[in-house]
PDB file of N, CA and C in Angstrom:
ATOM      1  N   MET A   1     238.314 117.169 239.834  1.00  0.00           N
ATOM      2  CA  MET A   1     239.552 116.566 239.006  1.00  0.00           C
ATOM      3  C   MET A   1     239.681 117.522 238.304  1.00  0.00           C
ATOM      4  N   PHE A   2     241.249 117.496 238.014  1.00  0.00           N
ATOM      5  CA  PHE A   2     241.789 118.202 236.876  1.00  0.00           C
ATOM      6  C   PHE A   2     242.214 117.345 235.865  1.00  0.00           C
ATOM      7  N   ILE A   3     242.357 117.837 234.363  1.00  0.00           N
ATOM      8  CA  ILE A   3     243.156 117.435 233.327  1.00  0.00           C
ATOM      9  C   ILE A   3     243.828 118.342 232.504  1.00  0.00           C
ATOM     10  N   CYS A   4     245.214 117.791 231.892  1.00  0.00           N
ATOM     11  CA  CYS A   4     245.675 119.035 231.039  1.00  0.00           C
ATOM     12  C   CYS A   4     245.653 119.002 229.952  1.00  0.00           C
ATOM     13  N   ALA A   5     245.512 119.786 229.327  1.00  0.00           N
ATOM     14  CA  ALA A   5     245.517 119.287 227.917  1.00  0.00           C
ATOM     15  C   ALA A   5     246.516 120.619 226.705  1.00  0.00           C
ATOM     16  N   GLU A   6     246.820 120.209 225.710  1.00  0.00           N
ATOM     17  CA  GLU A   6     247.609 120.976 224.944  1.00  0.00           C
ATOM     18  C   GLU A   6     247.032 121.263 223.718  1.00  0.00           C
ATOM     19  N   LEU A   7     246.965 122.844 223.892  1.00  0.00           N
ATOM     20  CA  LEU A   7     246.203 123.433 222.680  1.00  0.00           C
ATOM     21  C   LEU A   7     246.880 123.876 221.483  1.00  0.00           C
ATOM     22  N   LEU A   8     245.728 123.427 220.390  1.00  0.00           N
ATOM     23  CA  LEU A   8     245.862 123.596 219.114  1.00  0.00           C
ATOM     24  C   LEU A   8     245.524 125.158 218.357  1.00  0.00           C
ATOM     25  N   GLN A   9     244.822 125.716 219.361  1.00  0.00           N
ATOM     26  CA  GLN A   9     244.239 127.088 218.868  1.00  0.00           C
ATOM     27  C   GLN A   9     243.645 127.613 220.569  1.00  0.00           C
ATOM     28  N   ASP A  10     243.515 129.381 220.353  1.00  0.00           N
ATOM     29  CA  ASP A  10     243.162 129.616 221.232  1.00  0.00           C
ATOM     30  C   ASP A  10     241.941 129.647 222.303  1.00  0.00           C
ATOM     31  N   VAL A  11     241.882 129.070 223.471  1.00  0.00           N
ATOM     32  CA  VAL A  11     240.534 128.795 224.107  1.00  0.00           C
ATOM     33  C   VAL A  11     240.191 130.204 225.367  1.00  0.00           C
ATOM     34  N   LYS A  12     238.992 130.380 225.688  1.00  0.00           N
ATOM     35  CA  LYS A  12     239.039 131.489 226.682  1.00  0.00           C
ATOM     36  C   LYS A  12     238.763 130.482 227.945  1.00  0.00           C
ATOM     37  N   VAL A  13     239.258 131.165 229.106  1.00  0.00           N
ATOM     38  CA  VAL A  13     238.981 130.332 230.593  1.00  0.00           C
ATOM     39  C   VAL A  13     237.400 130.542 230.539  1.00  0.00           C
ATOM     40  N   GLY A  14     236.522 129.283 231.150  1.00  0.00           N
ATOM     41  CA  GLY A  14     235.332 129.249 231.498  1.00  0.00           C
ATOM     42  C   GLY A  14     234.537 128.704 230.506  1.00  0.00           C
ATOM     43  N   GLU A  15     235.354 128.335 229.104  1.00  0.00           N
ATOM     44  CA  GLU A  15     234.606 127.828 227.942  1.00  0.00           C
ATOM     45  C   GLU A  15     234.432 126.326 228.558  1.00  0.00           C
ATOM     46  N   ILE A  16     233.400 125.613 227.881  1.00  0.00           N
ATOM     47  CA  ILE A  16     232.850 124.391 228.211  1.00  0.00           C
ATOM     48  C   ILE A  16     233.634 123.514 227.287  1.00  0.00           C
ATOM     49  N   ILE A  17     234.379 122.563 227.451  1.00  0.00           N
ATOM     50  CA  ILE A  17     235.348 121.293 226.789  1.00  0.00           C
ATOM     51  C   ILE A  17     234.851 120.284 226.940  1.00  0.00           C
ATOM     52  N   VAL A  18     234.720 119.312 225.564  1.00  0.00           N
ATOM     53  CA  VAL A  18     234.398 117.928 225.787  1.00  0.00           C
ATOM     54  C   VAL A  18     235.711 117.428 225.536  1.00  0.00           C
ATOM     55  N   VAL A  19     235.991 116.316 226.265  1.00  0.00           N
ATOM     56  CA  VAL A  19     237.072 115.305 226.371  1.00  0.00           C
ATOM     57  C   VAL A  19     236.584 114.080 225.942  1.00  0.00           C
ATOM     58  N   LYS A  20     237.083 113.338 224.945  1.00  0.00           N
ATOM     59  CA  LYS A  20     236.656 112.272 224.205  1.00  0.00           C
ATOM     60  C   LYS A  20     237.888 111.735 223.314  1.00  0.00           C
ATOM     61  N   TYR A  21     237.554 110.259 223.158  1.00  0.00           N
ATOM     62  CA  TYR A  21     238.965 109.805 222.355  1.00  0.00           C
ATOM     63  C   TYR A  21     238.445 109.719 220.890  1.00  0.00           C
ATOM     64  N   ASP A  22     239.653 110.179 220.133  1.00  0.00           N
ATOM     65  CA  ASP A  22     239.968 110.846 218.899  1.00  0.00           C
ATOM     66  C   ASP A  22     240.366 109.424 218.153  1.00  0.00           C
ATOM     67  N   ASN A  23     239.166 109.192 217.493  1.00  0.00           N
ATOM     68  CA  ASN A  23     239.915 107.989 216.372  1.00  0.00           C
ATOM     69  C   ASN A  23     240.551 108.023 215.326  1.00  0.00           C
ATOM     70  N   TYR A  24     240.433 109.214 214.887  1.00  0.00           N
ATOM     71  CA  TYR A  24     241.698 109.293 213.550  1.00  0.00           C
ATOM     72  C   TYR A  24     242.699 109.786 214.281  1.00  0.00           C
ATOM     73  N   ALA A  25     243.214 110.410 215.580  1.00  0.00           N
ATOM     74  CA  ALA A  25     244.635 110.366 216.160  1.00  0.00           C
ATOM     75  C   ALA A  25     244.713 109.486 216.884  1.00  0.00           C
ATOM     76  N   ARG A  26     243.852 108.523 217.252  1.00  0.00           N
ATOM     77  CA  ARG A  26     243.963 107.583 218.123  1.00  0.00           C
ATOM     78  C   ARG A  26     244.329 108.474 219.589  1.00  0.00           C
ATOM     79  N   THR A  27     243.947 109.139 220.146  1.00  0.00           N
ATOM     80  CA  THR A  27     244.281 110.094 221.428  1.00  0.00           C
ATOM     81  C   THR A  27     243.019 110.488 222.061  1.00  0.00           C
ATOM     82  N   LEU A  28     243.471 111.110 223.196  1.00  0.00           N
ATOM     83  CA  LEU A  28     242.400 111.839 223.892  1.00  0.00           C
ATOM     84  C   LEU A  28     242.130 113.135 223.180  1.00  0.00           C
ATOM     85  N   GLY A  29     241.087 113.474 222.810  1.00  0.00           N
ATOM     86  CA  GLY A  29     241.069 114.745 222.118  1.00  0.00           C
ATOM     87  C   GLY A  29     239.999 116.018 223.071  1.00  0.00           C
ATOM     88  N   ALA A  30     240.580 117.235 222.782  1.00  0.00           N
ATOM     89  CA  ALA A  30     239.592 118.310 223.817  1.00  0.00           C
ATOM     90  C   ALA A  30     238.997 119.240 222.445  1.00  0.00           C
ATOM     91  N   TYR A  31     237.646 119.053 222.707  1.00  0.00           N
ATOM     92  CA  TYR A  31     236.580 119.727 221.686  1.00  0.00           C
ATOM     93  C   TYR A  31     236.028 120.860 222.256  1.00  0.00           C
ATOM     94  N   LEU A  32     235.247 121.758 221.568  1.00  0.00           N
ATOM     95  CA  LEU A  32     235.000 122.837 221.920  1.00  0.00           C
ATOM     96  C   LEU A  32     233.597 122.342 221.944  1.00  0.00           C
ATOM     97  N   ILE A  33     232.007 122.230 222.267  1.00  0.00           N
ATOM     98  CA  ILE A  33     230.717 122.336 222.596  1.00  0.00           C
ATOM     99  C   ILE A  33     230.258 122.052 221.453  1.00  0.00           C
ATOM    100  N   THR A  34     230.641 122.685 220.009  1.00  0.00           N
ATOM    101  CA  THR A  34     230.212 122.888 218.786  1.00  0.00           C
ATOM    102  C   THR A  34     231.002 121.633 218.096  1.00  0.00           C
ATOM    103  N   GLY A  35     231.947 120.951 218.444  1.00  0.00           N
ATOM    104  CA  GLY A  35     232.847 119.953 217.991  1.00  0.00           C
ATOM    105  C   GLY A  35     234.190 120.248 217.302  1.00  0.00           C
ATOM    106  N   GLU A  36     234.693 121.483 217.466  1.00  0.00           N
ATOM    107  CA  GLU A  36     235.992 121.928 216.628  1.00  0.00           C
ATOM    108  C   GLU A  36     236.753 121.413 217.634  1.00  0.00           C
ATOM    109  N   LYS A  37     237.715 120.713 217.049  1.00  0.00           N
ATOM    110  CA  LYS A  37     239.028 120.153 217.847  1.00  0.00           C
ATOM    111  C   LYS A  37     240.183 121.574 218.055  1.00  0.00           C
ATOM    112  N   ILE A  38     240.618 121.477 219.648  1.00  0.00           N
ATOM    113  CA  ILE A  38     241.111 122.787 220.139  1.00  0.00           C
ATOM    114  C   ILE A  38     242.385 122.019 220.609  1.00  0.00           C
ATOM    115  N   GLY A  39     242.632 120.876 220.791  1.00  0.00           N
ATOM    116  CA  GLY A  39     243.639 120.484 221.380  1.00  0.00           C
ATOM    117  C   GLY A  39     243.610 118.893 221.541  1.00  0.00           C
ATOM    118  N   GLU A  40     244.657 118.444 222.368  1.00  0.00           N
ATOM    119  CA  GLU A  40     244.800 117.025 222.792  1.00  0.00           C
ATOM    120  C   GLU A  40     245.106 116.921 223.987  1.00  0.00           C
ATOM    121  N   ILE A  41     244.894 115.651 225.093  1.00  0.00           N
ATOM    122  CA  ILE A  41     244.972 115.801 226.292  1.00  0.00           C
ATOM    123  C   ILE A  41     246.678 115.153 226.216  1.00  0.00           C
ATOM    124  N   SER A  42     247.288 115.803 227.306  1.00  0.00           N
ATOM    125  CA  SER A  42     248.642 115.619 227.578  1.00  0.00           C
ATOM    126  C   SER A  42     249.190 114.133 228.143  1.00  0.00           C
ATOM    127  N   SER A  43     250.231 113.538 227.316  1.00  0.00           N
ATOM    128  CA  SER A  43     250.287 112.075 227.977  1.00  0.00           C
ATOM    129  C   SER A  43     251.021 112.600 228.981  1.00  0.00           C
ATOM    130  N   HIS A  44     251.707 113.583 229.408  1.00  0.00           N
ATOM    131  CA  HIS A  44     252.471 113.915 230.569  1.00  0.00           C
ATOM    132  C   HIS A  44     251.505 114.994 231.317  1.00  0.00           C
ATOM    133  N   GLN A  45     250.706 114.535 232.542  1.00  0.00           N
ATOM    134  CA  GLN A  45     249.930 115.198 233.092  1.00  0.00           C
ATOM    135  C   GLN A  45     250.555 116.350 234.163  1.00  0.00           C
ATOM    136  N   ALA A  46     250.042 117.319 234.469  1.00  0.00           N
ATOM    137  CA  ALA A  46     250.841 118.224 235.264  1.00  0.00           C
ATOM    138  C   ALA A  46     250.755 118.017 236.847  1.00  0.00           C
ATOM    139  N   GLU A  47     251.196 117.988 237.411  1.00  0.00           N
ATOM    140  CA  GLU A  47     251.355 117.401 239.232  1.00  0.00           C
ATOM    141  C   GLU A  47     249.477 118.023 239.314  1.00  0.00           C
ATOM    142  N   GLY A  48     249.281 117.350 240.246  1.00  0.00           N
ATOM    143  CA  GLY A  48     247.609 117.591 240.250  1.00  0.00           C
ATOM    144  C   GLY A  48     246.622 117.133 239.669  1.00  0.00           C
ATOM    145  N   CYS A  49     246.875 117.005 238.437  1.00  0.00           N
ATOM    146  CA  CYS A  49     245.834 116.287 237.571  1.00  0.00           C
ATOM    147  C   CYS A  49     246.024 115.138 237.127  1.00  0.00           C
ATOM    148  N   LEU A  50     244.785 114.079 236.991  1.00  0.00           N
ATOM    149  CA  LEU A  50     244.685 112.691 237.066  1.00  0.00           C
ATOM    150  C   LEU A  50     245.589 112.462 235.680  1.00  0.00           C
ATOM    151  N   ASP A  51     246.192 111.018 235.767  1.00  0.00           N
ATOM    152  CA  ASP A  51     247.118 110.726 235.044  1.00  0.00           C
ATOM    153  C   ASP A  51     246.601 110.219 233.801  1.00  0.00           C
ATOM    154  N   PHE A  52     247.366 110.094 232.510  1.00  0.00           N
ATOM    155  CA  PHE A  52     246.757 110.118 231.508  1.00  0.00           C
ATOM    156  C   PHE A  52     246.379 108.677 230.822  1.00  0.00           C
ATOM    157  N   TRP A  53     246.980 107.575 231.632  1.00  0.00           N
ATOM    158  CA  TRP A  53     246.220 106.168 231.825  1.00  0.00           C
ATOM    159  C   TRP A  53     244.683 105.858 232.312  1.00  0.00           C
ATOM    160  N   THR A  54     244.943 106.642 233.329  1.00  0.00           N
ATOM    161  CA  THR A  54     243.684 106.405 234.424  1.00  0.00           C
ATOM    162  C   THR A  54     242.547 107.568 233.154  1.00  0.00           C
ATOM    163  N   LEU A  55     242.770 108.381 232.654  1.00  0.00           N
ATOM    164  CA  LEU A  55     241.754 108.821 231.695  1.00  0.00           C
ATOM    165  C   LEU A  55     241.747 108.209 230.420  1.00  0.00           C
ATOM    166  N   ALA A  56     242.551 107.443 229.980  1.00  0.00           N
ATOM    167  CA  ALA A  56     242.440 106.822 228.693  1.00  0.00           C
ATOM    168  C   ALA A  56     241.456 105.624 229.254  1.00  0.00           C
ATOM    169  N   THR A  57     241.501 104.658 230.071  1.00  0.00           N
ATOM    170  CA  THR A  57     241.008 103.650 230.624  1.00  0.00           C
ATOM    171  C   THR A  57     239.275 103.861 230.664  1.00  0.00           C
ATOM    172  N   ARG A  58     239.311 105.173 231.441  1.00  0.00           N
ATOM    173  CA  ARG A  58     237.966 105.460 231.873  1.00  0.00           C
ATOM    174  C   ARG A  58     237.159 106.174 230.868  1.00  0.00           C
ATOM    175  N   ILE A  59     237.723 107.027 229.886  1.00  0.00           N
ATOM    176  CA  ILE A  59     236.877 107.814 228.711  1.00  0.00           C
ATOM    177  C   ILE A  59     236.463 106.771 228.235  1.00  0.00           C
ATOM    178  N   ASP A  60     237.293 105.956 227.501  1.00  0.00           N
ATOM    179  CA  ASP A  60     236.863 104.476 226.181  1.00  0.00           C
ATOM    180  C   ASP A  60     236.135 105.504 225.146  1.00  0.00           C
ATOM    181  N   ASN A  61     235.348 105.221 225.130  1.00  0.00           N
ATOM    182  CA  ASN A  61     234.107 105.766 224.069  1.00  0.00           C
ATOM    183  C   ASN A  61     233.080 106.590 224.923  1.00  0.00           C
ATOM    184  N   ASN A  62     233.288 107.021 225.749  1.00  0.00           N
ATOM    185  CA  ASN A  62     232.646 108.342 226.633  1.00  0.00           C
ATOM    186  C   ASN A  62     232.886 109.501 226.395  1.00  0.00           C
ATOM    187  N   ARG A  63     231.971 110.362 226.435  1.00  0.00           N
ATOM    188  CA  ARG A  63     232.466 111.839 226.629  1.00  0.00           C
ATOM    189  C   ARG A  63     232.590 112.503 228.008  1.00  0.00           C
ATOM    190  N   ILE A  64     233.693 113.540 228.044  1.00  0.00           N
ATOM    191  CA  ILE A  64     233.429 114.227 229.607  1.00  0.00           C
ATOM    192  C   ILE A  64     233.193 115.508 229.387  1.00  0.00           C
ATOM    193  N   LEU A  65     232.417 116.102 230.149  1.00  0.00           N
ATOM    194  CA  LEU A  65     232.173 117.735 229.896  1.00  0.00           C
ATOM    195  C   LEU A  65     233.287 118.073 231.162  1.00  0.00           C
ATOM    196  N   CYS A  66     233.839 119.293 230.583  1.00  0.00           N
ATOM    197  CA  CYS A  66     234.979 119.870 231.390  1.00  0.00           C
ATOM    198  C   CYS A  66     234.852 121.627 231.303  1.00  0.00           C
ATOM    199  N   LYS A  67     235.199 122.130 232.022  1.00  0.00           N
ATOM    200  CA  LYS A  67     235.399 123.372 232.222  1.00  0.00           C
ATOM    201  C   LYS A  67     236.576 124.191 232.158  1.00  0.00           C
ATOM    202  N   ALA A  68     237.341 124.785 231.477  1.00  0.00           N
ATOM    203  CA  ALA A  68     238.306 125.874 231.275  1.00  0.00           C
ATOM    204  C   ALA A  68     238.799 126.475 232.139  1.00  0.00           C
ATOM    205  N   VAL A  69     239.648 126.177 233.245  1.00  0.00           N
ATOM    206  CA  VAL A  69     239.853 126.773 234.373  1.00  0.00           C
ATOM    207  C   VAL A  69     241.202 127.686 234.377  1.00  0.00           C
ATOM    208  N   ILE A  70     242.277 127.103 233.579  1.00  0.00           N
ATOM    209  CA  ILE A  70     243.909 127.676 234.045  1.00  0.00           C
ATOM    210  C   ILE A  70     244.158 127.699 232.607  1.00  0.00           C
ATOM    211  N   LYS A  71     244.471 128.633 231.848  1.00  0.00           N
ATOM    212  CA  LYS A  71     245.326 128.467 230.878  1.00  0.00           C
ATOM    213  C   LYS A  71     246.333 129.619 230.965  1.00  0.00           C
ATOM    214  N   GLY A  72     247.911 128.794 230.623  1.00  0.00           N
ATOM    215  CA  GLY A  72     249.050 129.233 230.625  1.00  0.00           C
ATOM    216  C   GLY A  72     249.705 128.986 229.067  1.00  0.00           C
ATOM    217  N   GLY A  73     250.008 129.756 228.508  1.00  0.00           N
ATOM    218  CA  GLY A  73     250.538 129.397 226.942  1.00  0.00           C
ATOM    219  C   GLY A  73     249.869 128.411 226.183  1.00  0.00           C
ATOM    220  N   ARG A  74     250.264 127.259 225.953  1.00  0.00           N
ATOM    221  CA  ARG A  74     249.875 126.433 225.011  1.00  0.00           C
ATOM    222  C   ARG A  74     249.113 125.091 225.925  1.00  0.00           C
ATOM    223  N   LEU A  75     249.054 125.222 227.260  1.00  0.00           N
ATOM    224  CA  LEU A  75     248.484 124.681 228.381  1.00  0.00           C
ATOM    225  C   LEU A  75     247.427 124.797 228.770  1.00  0.00           C
ATOM    226  N   LEU A  76     246.310 124.216 229.114  1.00  0.00           N
ATOM    227  CA  LEU A  76     245.260 124.169 229.410  1.00  0.00           C
ATOM    228  C   LEU A  76     244.728 123.449 230.687  1.00  0.00           C
ATOM    229  N   ILE A  77     244.432 123.764 231.729  1.00  0.00           N
ATOM    230  CA  ILE A  77     243.971 122.993 232.949  1.00  0.00           C
ATOM    231  C   ILE A  77     242.285 123.191 232.904  1.00  0.00           C
ATOM    232  N   LEU A  78     241.483 121.902 232.850  1.00  0.00           N
ATOM    233  CA  LEU A  78     240.347 121.252 232.788  1.00  0.00           C
ATOM    234  C   LEU A  78     239.888 120.934 234.192  1.00  0.00           C
ATOM    235  N   SER A  79     238.973 121.585 234.434  1.00  0.00           N
ATOM    236  CA  SER A  79     237.920 120.643 235.565  1.00  0.00           C
ATOM    237  C   SER A  79     236.685 120.232 235.436  1.00  0.00           C
ATOM    238  N   THR A  80     236.538 118.944 236.028  1.00  0.00           N
ATOM    239  CA  THR A  80     235.465 117.825 235.629  1.00  0.00           C
ATOM    240  C   THR A  80     234.943 117.521 236.983  1.00  0.00           C
ATOM    241  N   ASP A  81     233.888 117.076 237.276  1.00  0.00           N
ATOM    242  CA  ASP A  81     233.368 116.680 238.206  1.00  0.00           C
ATOM    243  C   ASP A  81     232.321 115.175 237.721  1.00  0.00           C
ATOM    244  N   SER A  82     232.929 114.764 236.685  1.00  0.00           N
ATOM    245  CA  SER A  82     232.356 113.426 236.265  1.00  0.00           C
ATOM    246  C   SER A  82     232.614 112.222 236.984  1.00  0.00           C
ATOM    247  N   LYS A  83     231.497 111.646 237.094  1.00  0.00           N
ATOM    248  CA  LYS A  83     231.647 110.467 238.236  1.00  0.00           C
ATOM    249  C   LYS A  83     232.298 109.254 237.333  1.00  0.00           C
ATOM    250  N   LEU A  84     232.328 109.598 236.258  1.00  0.00           N
ATOM    251  CA  LEU A  84     233.701 108.360 235.255  1.00  0.00           C
ATOM    252  C   LEU A  84     234.430 108.420 235.815  1.00  0.00           C
ATOM    253  N   LEU A  85     234.845 109.416 236.393  1.00  0.00           N
ATOM    254  CA  LEU A  85     236.741 109.528 236.484  1.00  0.00           C
ATOM    255  C   LEU A  85     236.818 109.585 238.029  1.00  0.00           C
ATOM    256  N   SER A  86     235.689 109.281 238.776  1.00  0.00           N
ATOM    257  CA  SER A  86     235.771 109.013 240.328  1.00  0.00           C
ATOM    258  C   SER A  86     236.379 108.164 240.674  1.00  0.00           C
ATOM    259  N   SER A  87     236.871 107.495 241.688  1.00  0.00           N
ATOM    260  CA  SER A  87     237.692 106.590 242.262  1.00  0.00           C
ATOM    261  C   SER A  87     236.706 105.333 242.627  1.00  0.00           C
ATOM    262  N   GLU A  88     235.186 105.730 243.003  1.00  0.00           N
ATOM    263  CA  GLU A  88     234.455 105.089 243.262  1.00  0.00           C
ATOM    264  C   GLU A  88     233.651 103.841 242.267  1.00  0.00           C
ATOM    265  N   TYR A  89     234.310 104.403 240.979  1.00  0.00           N
ATOM    266  CA  TYR A  89     233.955 103.876 239.594  1.00  0.00           C
ATOM    267  C   TYR A  89     235.417 103.190 239.124  1.00  0.00           C
ATOM    268  N   ALA A  90     236.555 103.132 239.671  1.00  0.00           N
ATOM    269  CA  ALA A  90     237.485 102.586 239.155  1.00  0.00           C
ATOM    270  C   ALA A  90     237.552 101.114 239.068  1.00  0.00           C
ATOM    271  N   PRO A  91     238.121 100.608 237.729  1.00  0.00           N
ATOM    272  CA  PRO A  91     238.067  99.252 237.639  1.00  0.00           C
ATOM    273  C   PRO A  91     238.751  98.500 238.552  1.00  0.00           C
ATOM    274  N   SER A  92     239.647  98.969 239.171  1.00  0.00           N
ATOM    275  CA  SER A  92     240.620  98.267 240.182  1.00  0.00           C
ATOM    276  C   SER A  92     240.157  98.085 241.674  1.00  0.00           C
ATOM    277  N   ALA A  93     240.275  97.183 242.308  1.00  0.00           N
ATOM    278  CA  ALA A  93     239.741  96.770 243.709  1.00  0.00           C
ATOM    279  C   ALA A  93     240.347  98.203 244.602  1.00  0.00           C
ATOM    280  N   SER A  94     239.476  98.606 245.700  1.00  0.00           N
ATOM    281  CA  SER A  94     239.982  99.548 246.476  1.00  0.00           C
ATOM    282  C   SER A  94     239.252  99.469 247.554  1.00  0.00           C
ATOM    283  N   VAL A  95     239.745  99.941 248.937  1.00  0.00           N
ATOM    284  CA  VAL A  95     239.242  99.812 250.356  1.00  0.00           C
ATOM    285  C   VAL A  95     238.246 101.007 250.405  1.00  0.00           C
ATOM    286  N   SER A  96     237.233 101.064 250.758  1.00  0.00           N
ATOM    287  CA  SER A  96     236.587 102.094 251.150  1.00  0.00           C
ATOM    288  C   SER A  96     236.791 102.888 252.357  1.00  0.00           C
ATOM    289  N   VAL A  97     236.610 104.209 251.879  1.00  0.00           N
ATOM    290  CA  VAL A  97     237.143 105.177 252.984  1.00  0.00           C
ATOM    291  C   VAL A  97     236.464 105.298 254.271  1.00  0.00           C
ATOM    292  N   SER A  98     235.110 104.823 254.299  1.00  0.00           N
ATOM    293  CA  SER A  98     234.332 104.749 255.314  1.00  0.00           C
ATOM    294  C   SER A  98     234.552 103.807 256.572  1.00  0.00           C
ATOM    295  N   ARG A  99     235.440 102.709 255.938  1.00  0.00           N
ATOM    296  CA  ARG A  99     235.961 101.898 257.120  1.00  0.00           C
ATOM    297  C   ARG A  99     237.800 101.853 257.124  1.00  0.00           C
ATOM    298  N   PRO A 100     238.059 102.681 257.687  1.00  0.00           N
ATOM    299  CA  PRO A 100     239.438 103.088 257.733  1.00  0.00           C
ATOM    300  C   PRO A 100     240.306 102.138 258.498  1.00  0.00           C
ATOM    301  N   ASN A 101     239.699 101.094 259.114  1.00  0.00           N
ATOM    302  CA  ASN A 101     240.699 100.056 260.206  1.00  0.00           C
ATOM    303  C   ASN A 101     240.547  98.704 259.241  1.00  0.00           C
ATOM    304  N   VAL A 102     239.994  99.044 257.968  1.00  0.00           N
ATOM    305  CA  VAL A 102     240.325  97.378 257.264  1.00  0.00           C
ATOM    306  C   VAL A 102     241.358  98.095 255.987  1.00  0.00           C
ATOM    307  N   SER A 103     242.053  97.239 255.956  1.00  0.00           N
ATOM    308  CA  SER A 103     243.040  97.118 254.661  1.00  0.00           C
ATOM    309  C   SER A 103     242.858  96.044 253.864  1.00  0.00           C
ATOM    310  N   TYR A 104     243.211  95.972 252.556  1.00  0.00           N
ATOM    311  CA  TYR A 104     243.449  95.012 251.651  1.00  0.00           C
ATOM    312  C   TYR A 104     243.867  94.099 252.083  1.00  0.00           C
ATOM    313  N   ALA A 105     245.136  94.229 252.738  1.00  0.00           N
ATOM    314  CA  ALA A 105     245.982  92.927 253.208  1.00  0.00           C
ATOM    315  C   ALA A 105     245.185  92.238 254.211  1.00  0.00           C
ATOM    316  N   THR A 106     244.473  92.746 255.334  1.00  0.00           N
ATOM    317  CA  THR A 106     243.710  92.312 255.931  1.00  0.00           C
ATOM    318  C   THR A 106     242.170  91.599 255.604  1.00  0.00           C
ATOM    319  N   MET A 107     241.723  92.067 254.419  1.00  0.00           N
ATOM    320  CA  MET A 107     240.601  91.373 253.433  1.00  0.00           C
ATOM    321  C   MET A 107     241.327  90.156 252.895  1.00  0.00           C
ATOM    322  N   ARG A 108     242.400  89.907 252.535  1.00  0.00           N
ATOM    323  CA  ARG A 108     242.593  88.731 252.079  1.00  0.00           C
ATOM    324  C   ARG A 108     243.145  87.407 253.038  1.00  0.00           C
ATOM    325  N   ARG A 109     243.063  87.832 254.288  1.00  0.00           N
ATOM    326  CA  ARG A 109     243.585  86.802 254.986  1.00  0.00           C
ATOM    327  C   ARG A 109     242.414  85.580 255.338  1.00  0.00           C
TER     328      ARG A 109
END
């Protein structure tokens, strides 16, 4: 899964980044493992990245470890395999992929 961050300072590709809620700025922040803030999670995510509201509702007071994978100007694409962001932990109801012949509409009948 990918997350787009807007950088406030320079970061090297390959660095470990922590994504967490920033109580002071009231947004999702991107931090070095040392705790230094390096940017904010963009409210307009790039194509192929998780949308901002999914990130905001699932991260809440948790922290996500990511790896900086692509850097372009002031944008940084982060990669994570966090189970917190996977669809199986989504708060909304979804149909299991292992049962392709069953849809939500047929389950409600």
